[in-house]
Amino acid sequence: MIPHDTPHATRIALVVGFLLHTVMALWTWHTWGTFTRGGLIVWMDFPLSLAYVQLRGNTMLVASLLLGGLQWAAIAALLTLGVGRTLRGRRSR
């Protein structure tokens, strides 16, 4: 099934990417120990995490939720847009 509404799918992917990142970041923050969770958050959001790697505690979590969430939302949206354009191009052949 080929999606006919790529912009709509892209918006959905944007929201889902942000929400998935939020769930994973919060899960990591609450399940891992104080020493390791910061490192995991940095690797999850790399390379954007270099902007907030010096932060500690809840400030790092908030920065990750906002900046990392935007990064993963953009990645999900761009991948969806790319797949939608590829499928639209294949359908017109």
Protein backbone atom coordinates (compact mmCIF):
# COMPACT_ATOMS: atom_id res chain seq x y z
CA MET A 1 0.00 0.00 0.00
CA ILE A 2 1.46 3.33 -1.10
CA PRO A 3 0.58 6.38 1.01
CA HIS A 4 -1.12 9.09 -1.02
CA ASP A 5 -0.66 11.85 1.50
CA THR A 6 3.08 12.15 2.11
CA PRO A 7 2.84 15.50 3.96
CA HIS A 8 0.32 13.99 6.38
CA ALA A 9 2.53 10.94 6.94
CA THR A 10 5.51 13.25 7.46
CA ARG A 11 3.69 15.19 10.16
CA ILE A 12 2.70 11.95 11.88
CA ALA A 13 6.31 10.72 11.72
CA LEU A 14 7.48 14.02 13.21
CA VAL A 15 5.21 13.60 16.24
CA VAL A 16 5.91 9.88 16.62
CA GLY A 17 9.68 10.44 16.42
CA PHE A 18 9.48 13.08 19.15
CA LEU A 19 7.28 10.89 21.36
CA LEU A 20 9.44 7.78 20.92
CA HIS A 21 12.53 9.76 21.86
CA THR A 22 10.74 11.14 24.92
CA VAL A 23 9.71 7.67 26.08
CA MET A 24 13.19 6.23 25.55
CA ALA A 25 14.97 9.16 27.21
CA LEU A 26 12.69 9.03 30.25
CA TRP A 27 13.00 5.25 30.48
CA THR A 28 16.80 5.51 30.29
CA TRP A 29 16.87 8.31 32.85
CA HIS A 30 14.77 6.40 35.39
CA THR A 31 16.20 2.88 34.95
CA TRP A 32 19.92 3.45 34.62
CA GLY A 33 22.18 4.61 37.42
CA THR A 34 23.34 8.19 37.83
CA PHE A 35 26.78 7.44 36.40
CA THR A 36 25.71 5.66 33.19
CA ARG A 37 22.46 7.38 32.23
CA GLY A 38 24.15 10.62 31.18
CA GLY A 39 26.45 8.73 28.84
CA LEU A 40 23.56 6.82 27.31
CA ILE A 41 21.61 10.03 26.75
CA VAL A 42 24.65 11.61 25.08
CA TRP A 43 25.03 8.68 22.68
CA MET A 44 21.30 8.54 21.97
CA ASP A 45 21.27 12.17 20.85
CA PHE A 46 24.72 12.35 19.25
CA PRO A 47 25.88 14.68 17.61
CA LEU A 48 23.38 17.25 18.92
CA SER A 49 24.16 16.20 22.49
CA LEU A 50 27.53 17.95 22.19
CA ALA A 51 25.58 21.18 22.74
CA TYR A 52 24.47 20.09 26.21
CA VAL A 53 26.99 17.43 27.31
CA GLN A 54 28.33 19.77 30.01
CA LEU A 55 24.95 19.94 31.78
CA ARG A 56 24.15 17.75 34.76
CA GLY A 57 21.05 16.36 36.43
CA ASN A 58 17.55 17.35 35.41
CA THR A 59 18.88 20.17 33.23
CA MET A 60 20.52 17.57 31.00
CA LEU A 61 17.29 15.58 30.85
CA VAL A 62 15.25 18.62 29.81
CA ALA A 63 17.83 19.55 27.15
CA SER A 64 17.77 16.00 25.84
CA LEU A 65 13.99 15.90 25.75
CA LEU A 66 13.80 19.15 23.80
CA LEU A 67 16.87 19.12 21.54
CA GLY A 68 17.19 15.36 21.14
CA GLY A 69 13.46 15.06 20.61
CA LEU A 70 13.60 17.65 17.85
CA GLN A 71 16.56 15.85 16.29
CA TRP A 72 14.76 12.50 16.21
CA ALA A 73 11.53 14.11 15.04
CA ALA A 74 13.42 15.64 12.11
CA ILE A 75 15.11 12.32 11.30
CA ALA A 76 11.77 10.48 11.32
CA ALA A 77 10.10 13.16 9.19
CA LEU A 78 12.92 13.27 6.64
CA LEU A 79 13.00 9.48 6.32
CA THR A 80 9.23 9.40 5.83
CA LEU A 81 9.41 12.18 3.28
CA GLY A 82 12.18 10.37 1.41
CA VAL A 83 10.32 7.07 1.37
CA GLY A 84 7.12 8.81 0.25
CA ARG A 85 8.88 10.52 -2.64
CA THR A 86 10.59 7.29 -3.66
CA LEU A 87 7.31 5.40 -3.66
CA ARG A 88 5.54 8.17 -5.55
CA GLY A 89 8.30 8.07 -8.18
CA ARG A 90 8.02 4.28 -8.54
CA ARG A 91 4.26 4.47 -8.90
CA SER A 92 4.42 6.89 -11.83
CA ARG A 93 6.55 4.50 -13.93
